[in-house]
Amino acid sequence: YLNVSFHDITDLNKRLASSPTGGLCGMAALYLALLSTILTESRLKMLNYHQMRTKVFDEMKVPEDPDLSDEHLLDLYDKHLCGGTVHHARRDTLKNRSVKIQEQNQLNAHGA
């Protein structure tokens, strides 16, 4: 699912599973965050790790900070999405789906 021109098996094998920036877990989390909000799978396949980070900074409309850990960046992105004023159709769809799941869970809990 990643751009194999940048992230081939050699590149991925050199990366730590967990690292403040550029680790496999961070790459996967960035990919999933962007996929569930603003980008399609086909668009993500064209990006490398640094371009995914750039997309997150661009979406938040803040200057890029190369020293910011992936974890902190994703935390800020989450706060931006949940408390921000920019709405995207995919995000609204996910929110509606989440509300429906919560409503169904409440019905199930009450024996309906």
C-alpha atoms as a PDB file:
ATOM      1  CA  TYR A   1       0.000   0.000   0.000  1.00  0.00           C
ATOM      2  CA  LEU A   2       3.006   2.313   0.218  1.00  0.00           C
ATOM      3  CA  ASN A   3       4.832   3.794  -2.742  1.00  0.00           C
ATOM      4  CA  VAL A   4       7.302   1.010  -3.598  1.00  0.00           C
ATOM      5  CA  SER A   5       9.491   3.454  -5.502  1.00  0.00           C
ATOM      6  CA  PHE A   6      10.407   4.959  -2.130  1.00  0.00           C
ATOM      7  CA  HIS A   7       9.584   2.205   0.325  1.00  0.00           C
ATOM      8  CA  ASP A   8      10.790  -1.094  -1.040  1.00  0.00           C
ATOM      9  CA  ILE A   9      11.590  -4.096   1.131  1.00  0.00           C
ATOM     10  CA  THR A  10      15.161  -2.861   1.703  1.00  0.00           C
ATOM     11  CA  ASP A  11      13.935   0.506   2.986  1.00  0.00           C
ATOM     12  CA  LEU A  12      11.322  -1.081   5.245  1.00  0.00           C
ATOM     13  CA  ASN A  13      13.818  -3.587   6.666  1.00  0.00           C
ATOM     14  CA  LYS A  14      16.134  -0.728   7.674  1.00  0.00           C
ATOM     15  CA  ARG A  15      13.400   1.014   9.686  1.00  0.00           C
ATOM     16  CA  LEU A  16      12.778   0.397  13.366  1.00  0.00           C
ATOM     17  CA  ALA A  17       9.334  -0.877  14.268  1.00  0.00           C
ATOM     18  CA  SER A  18       8.910   2.019  16.681  1.00  0.00           C
ATOM     19  CA  SER A  19      10.758   5.306  16.403  1.00  0.00           C
ATOM     20  CA  PRO A  20       9.868   8.948  17.125  1.00  0.00           C
ATOM     21  CA  THR A  21       9.838   9.600  13.375  1.00  0.00           C
ATOM     22  CA  GLY A  22       9.996   7.275  10.403  1.00  0.00           C
ATOM     23  CA  GLY A  23       9.294   4.031  12.233  1.00  0.00           C
ATOM     24  CA  LEU A  24       7.068   1.362  10.739  1.00  0.00           C
ATOM     25  CA  CYS A  25       4.318   1.976  13.295  1.00  0.00           C
ATOM     26  CA  GLY A  26       4.361   5.718  12.605  1.00  0.00           C
ATOM     27  CA  MET A  27       4.211   5.149   8.866  1.00  0.00           C
ATOM     28  CA  ALA A  28       1.250   2.822   9.279  1.00  0.00           C
ATOM     29  CA  ALA A  29      -0.533   5.243  11.605  1.00  0.00           C
ATOM     30  CA  LEU A  30      -0.026   8.167   9.213  1.00  0.00           C
ATOM     31  CA  TYR A  31      -1.295   6.057   6.324  1.00  0.00           C
ATOM     32  CA  LEU A  32      -4.424   5.011   8.221  1.00  0.00           C
ATOM     33  CA  ALA A  33      -5.099   8.525   9.516  1.00  0.00           C
ATOM     34  CA  LEU A  34      -4.939   9.992   6.022  1.00  0.00           C
ATOM     35  CA  LEU A  35      -6.934   7.129   4.505  1.00  0.00           C
ATOM     36  CA  SER A  36      -9.728   7.569   7.020  1.00  0.00           C
ATOM     37  CA  THR A  37      -9.916  11.334   6.511  1.00  0.00           C
ATOM     38  CA  ILE A  38      -8.732  13.077   3.362  1.00  0.00           C
ATOM     39  CA  LEU A  39      -6.953  10.749   0.926  1.00  0.00           C
ATOM     40  CA  THR A  40      -7.864   7.719  -1.126  1.00  0.00           C
ATOM     41  CA  GLU A  41      -5.825   4.532  -1.228  1.00  0.00           C
ATOM     42  CA  SER A  42      -4.726   5.259  -4.800  1.00  0.00           C
ATOM     43  CA  ARG A  43      -3.509   8.739  -3.817  1.00  0.00           C
ATOM     44  CA  LEU A  44      -1.658   7.352  -0.803  1.00  0.00           C
ATOM     45  CA  LYS A  45       0.165   4.865  -3.022  1.00  0.00           C
ATOM     46  CA  MET A  46       1.825   7.842  -4.715  1.00  0.00           C
ATOM     47  CA  LEU A  47       3.206   9.303  -1.484  1.00  0.00           C
ATOM     48  CA  ASN A  48       6.244   8.519   0.607  1.00  0.00           C
ATOM     49  CA  TYR A  49       6.536   8.889   4.378  1.00  0.00           C
ATOM     50  CA  HIS A  50       7.668  12.533   4.243  1.00  0.00           C
ATOM     51  CA  GLN A  51       4.897  13.448   1.811  1.00  0.00           C
ATOM     52  CA  MET A  52       2.312  11.880   4.140  1.00  0.00           C
ATOM     53  CA  ARG A  53       3.622  14.038   6.992  1.00  0.00           C
ATOM     54  CA  THR A  54       3.451  17.081   4.718  1.00  0.00           C
ATOM     55  CA  LYS A  55      -0.200  16.306   3.928  1.00  0.00           C
ATOM     56  CA  VAL A  56      -1.010  16.255   7.646  1.00  0.00           C
ATOM     57  CA  PHE A  57       0.720  19.596   8.243  1.00  0.00           C
ATOM     58  CA  ASP A  58      -0.981  21.064   5.163  1.00  0.00           C
ATOM     59  CA  GLU A  59      -4.397  19.880   6.323  1.00  0.00           C
ATOM     60  CA  MET A  60      -3.837  21.538   9.705  1.00  0.00           C
ATOM     61  CA  LYS A  61      -2.497  24.650   7.958  1.00  0.00           C
ATOM     62  CA  VAL A  62       0.596  24.816  10.171  1.00  0.00           C
ATOM     63  CA  PRO A  63       4.285  24.964   9.223  1.00  0.00           C
ATOM     64  CA  GLU A  64       6.092  21.658   8.996  1.00  0.00           C
ATOM     65  CA  ASP A  65       8.182  20.675  12.001  1.00  0.00           C
ATOM     66  CA  PRO A  66      10.630  17.873  11.149  1.00  0.00           C
ATOM     67  CA  ASP A  67      11.442  17.414  14.855  1.00  0.00           C
ATOM     68  CA  LEU A  68       7.836  16.678  15.823  1.00  0.00           C
ATOM     69  CA  SER A  69       7.358  12.979  16.535  1.00  0.00           C
ATOM     70  CA  ASP A  70       4.841  10.994  14.516  1.00  0.00           C
ATOM     71  CA  GLU A  71       2.899  10.313  17.704  1.00  0.00           C
ATOM     72  CA  HIS A  72       2.633  14.021  18.574  1.00  0.00           C
ATOM     73  CA  LEU A  73       1.813  14.936  14.982  1.00  0.00           C
ATOM     74  CA  LEU A  74      -1.026  12.401  14.902  1.00  0.00           C
ATOM     75  CA  ASP A  75      -2.280  13.629  18.268  1.00  0.00           C
ATOM     76  CA  LEU A  76      -2.398  17.204  16.924  1.00  0.00           C
ATOM     77  CA  TYR A  77      -4.102  15.967  13.747  1.00  0.00           C
ATOM     78  CA  ASP A  78      -6.727  14.161  15.799  1.00  0.00           C
ATOM     79  CA  LYS A  79      -7.400  17.316  17.832  1.00  0.00           C
ATOM     80  CA  HIS A  80      -7.554  19.345  14.622  1.00  0.00           C
ATOM     81  CA  LEU A  81     -10.069  16.978  13.059  1.00  0.00           C
ATOM     82  CA  CYS A  82     -12.275  16.676  16.103  1.00  0.00           C
ATOM     83  CA  GLY A  83     -12.167  20.319  17.077  1.00  0.00           C
ATOM     84  CA  GLY A  84     -11.361  22.017  13.790  1.00  0.00           C
ATOM     85  CA  THR A  85     -13.706  23.873  11.492  1.00  0.00           C
ATOM     86  CA  VAL A  86     -12.737  22.141   8.257  1.00  0.00           C
ATOM     87  CA  HIS A  87     -15.153  19.384   7.311  1.00  0.00           C
ATOM     88  CA  HIS A  88     -14.612  16.783   4.636  1.00  0.00           C
ATOM     89  CA  ALA A  89     -17.279  14.433   3.338  1.00  0.00           C
ATOM     90  CA  ARG A  90     -15.311  11.342   4.351  1.00  0.00           C
ATOM     91  CA  ARG A  91     -14.855  12.637   7.906  1.00  0.00           C
ATOM     92  CA  ASP A  92     -18.584  13.416   8.182  1.00  0.00           C
ATOM     93  CA  THR A  93     -19.385   9.942   6.905  1.00  0.00           C
ATOM     94  CA  LEU A  94     -17.117   8.375   9.531  1.00  0.00           C
ATOM     95  CA  LYS A  95     -18.694  10.497  12.259  1.00  0.00           C
ATOM     96  CA  ASN A  96     -22.208   9.495  11.165  1.00  0.00           C
ATOM     97  CA  ARG A  97     -21.169   5.844  11.108  1.00  0.00           C
ATOM     98  CA  SER A  98     -19.728   6.170  14.614  1.00  0.00           C
ATOM     99  CA  VAL A  99     -22.971   7.726  15.913  1.00  0.00           C
ATOM    100  CA  LYS A 100     -25.026   4.913  14.382  1.00  0.00           C
ATOM    101  CA  ILE A 101     -22.769   2.303  15.998  1.00  0.00           C
ATOM    102  CA  GLN A 102     -23.103   4.024  19.383  1.00  0.00           C
ATOM    103  CA  GLU A 103     -26.887   4.158  19.022  1.00  0.00           C
ATOM    104  CA  GLN A 104     -27.006   0.467  18.117  1.00  0.00           C
ATOM    105  CA  ASN A 105     -24.784  -0.383  21.078  1.00  0.00           C
ATOM    106  CA  GLN A 106     -27.129   1.511  23.392  1.00  0.00           C
ATOM    107  CA  LEU A 107     -30.126  -0.372  21.975  1.00  0.00           C
ATOM    108  CA  ASN A 108     -28.315  -3.685  22.422  1.00  0.00           C
ATOM    109  CA  ALA A 109     -27.373  -2.801  25.993  1.00  0.00           C
ATOM    110  CA  HIS A 110     -31.010  -2.128  26.838  1.00  0.00           C
ATOM    111  CA  GLY A 111     -32.216  -5.388  25.314  1.00  0.00           C
ATOM    112  CA  ALA A 112     -33.897  -3.894  22.271  1.00  0.00           C
END
